[in-house]
Amino acid sequence: MTGTIRIPRKALEYFCTKVFMKLGLSQDEAADSAEILVAAQLKQIGEELEVLFPSAI
C-alpha cells in the first residue's frame, strides 16, 4: 500500500529550517535555504508537497 502525505508549505519550511540548523547553518541561513528549497518544489508540483512512501512503511 502506498500513501500520500500532504505537507503545508509553512510546516515544511519550518521543518527544513530546523534540519538545516542541526546541520550547522545559522538561523538566517537555514530559513533562507528552506524557503528556496520549498519554493523550488512548489513551482513544480503546486501548493502542497506530496511525499510517496513505499508500501513497507
C-alpha atoms as a PDB file:
ATOM      1  CA  MET A   1       0.000   0.000   0.000  1.00  0.00           C
ATOM      2  CA  THR A   2       1.306   3.447  -0.911  1.00  0.00           C
ATOM      3  CA  GLY A   3       0.103   6.570   0.836  1.00  0.00           C
ATOM      4  CA  THR A   4       0.322  10.265   0.147  1.00  0.00           C
ATOM      5  CA  ILE A   5       1.076  12.845   2.806  1.00  0.00           C
ATOM      6  CA  ARG A   6       0.339  16.493   2.089  1.00  0.00           C
ATOM      7  CA  ILE A   7       2.506  18.942   3.984  1.00  0.00           C
ATOM      8  CA  PRO A   8       1.551  22.633   4.179  1.00  0.00           C
ATOM      9  CA  ARG A   9       4.238  24.986   2.898  1.00  0.00           C
ATOM     10  CA  LYS A  10       4.960  26.759   6.189  1.00  0.00           C
ATOM     11  CA  ALA A  11       5.204  23.476   8.097  1.00  0.00           C
ATOM     12  CA  LEU A  12       7.734  22.123   5.609  1.00  0.00           C
ATOM     13  CA  GLU A  13       9.743  25.354   5.691  1.00  0.00           C
ATOM     14  CA  TYR A  14       9.837  25.149   9.495  1.00  0.00           C
ATOM     15  CA  PHE A  15      10.957  21.505   9.418  1.00  0.00           C
ATOM     16  CA  CYS A  16      13.635  22.154   6.788  1.00  0.00           C
ATOM     17  CA  THR A  17      14.892  25.160   8.751  1.00  0.00           C
ATOM     18  CA  LYS A  18      15.329  23.018  11.848  1.00  0.00           C
ATOM     19  CA  VAL A  19      17.133  20.297   9.872  1.00  0.00           C
ATOM     20  CA  PHE A  20      19.494  22.830   8.289  1.00  0.00           C
ATOM     21  CA  MET A  21      20.217  24.319  11.713  1.00  0.00           C
ATOM     22  CA  LYS A  22      21.086  20.854  13.061  1.00  0.00           C
ATOM     23  CA  LEU A  23      23.490  20.557  10.140  1.00  0.00           C
ATOM     24  CA  GLY A  24      25.262  23.712  11.298  1.00  0.00           C
ATOM     25  CA  LEU A  25      23.648  26.590   9.387  1.00  0.00           C
ATOM     26  CA  SER A  26      22.738  29.769  11.235  1.00  0.00           C
ATOM     27  CA  GLN A  27      19.054  30.587  11.800  1.00  0.00           C
ATOM     28  CA  ASP A  28      19.037  33.062   8.902  1.00  0.00           C
ATOM     29  CA  GLU A  29      20.919  30.773   6.507  1.00  0.00           C
ATOM     30  CA  ALA A  30      18.693  27.847   7.411  1.00  0.00           C
ATOM     31  CA  ALA A  31      15.471  29.813   6.946  1.00  0.00           C
ATOM     32  CA  ASP A  32      16.629  31.215   3.600  1.00  0.00           C
ATOM     33  CA  SER A  33      17.720  27.783   2.377  1.00  0.00           C
ATOM     34  CA  ALA A  34      14.449  26.187   3.469  1.00  0.00           C
ATOM     35  CA  GLU A  35      12.395  28.881   1.760  1.00  0.00           C
ATOM     36  CA  ILE A  36      14.316  28.436  -1.501  1.00  0.00           C
ATOM     37  CA  LEU A  37      14.105  24.637  -1.374  1.00  0.00           C
ATOM     38  CA  VAL A  38      10.364  24.610  -0.725  1.00  0.00           C
ATOM     39  CA  ALA A  39       9.659  27.325  -3.314  1.00  0.00           C
ATOM     40  CA  ALA A  40      11.528  25.331  -5.964  1.00  0.00           C
ATOM     41  CA  GLN A  41       9.486  22.232  -5.182  1.00  0.00           C
ATOM     42  CA  LEU A  42       6.183  24.107  -5.118  1.00  0.00           C
ATOM     43  CA  LYS A  43       6.890  25.627  -8.502  1.00  0.00           C
ATOM     44  CA  GLN A  44       6.929  22.089  -9.876  1.00  0.00           C
ATOM     45  CA  ILE A  45       4.001  20.455  -8.083  1.00  0.00           C
ATOM     46  CA  GLY A  46       1.610  23.020  -6.580  1.00  0.00           C
ATOM     47  CA  GLU A  47       0.718  24.458  -3.205  1.00  0.00           C
ATOM     48  CA  GLU A  48       1.256  21.265  -1.223  1.00  0.00           C
ATOM     49  CA  LEU A  49       4.151  18.880  -1.464  1.00  0.00           C
ATOM     50  CA  GLU A  50       3.385  15.224  -1.866  1.00  0.00           C
ATOM     51  CA  VAL A  51       5.639  12.580  -0.443  1.00  0.00           C
ATOM     52  CA  LEU A  52       5.010   8.999  -1.515  1.00  0.00           C
ATOM     53  CA  PHE A  53       6.049   6.295   0.864  1.00  0.00           C
ATOM     54  CA  PRO A  54       6.841   2.738  -0.137  1.00  0.00           C
ATOM     55  CA  SER A  55       4.462   0.023   0.960  1.00  0.00           C
ATOM     56  CA  ALA A  56       6.898  -1.094   3.678  1.00  0.00           C
ATOM     57  CA  ILE A  57       6.092   1.979   5.733  1.00  0.00           C
END
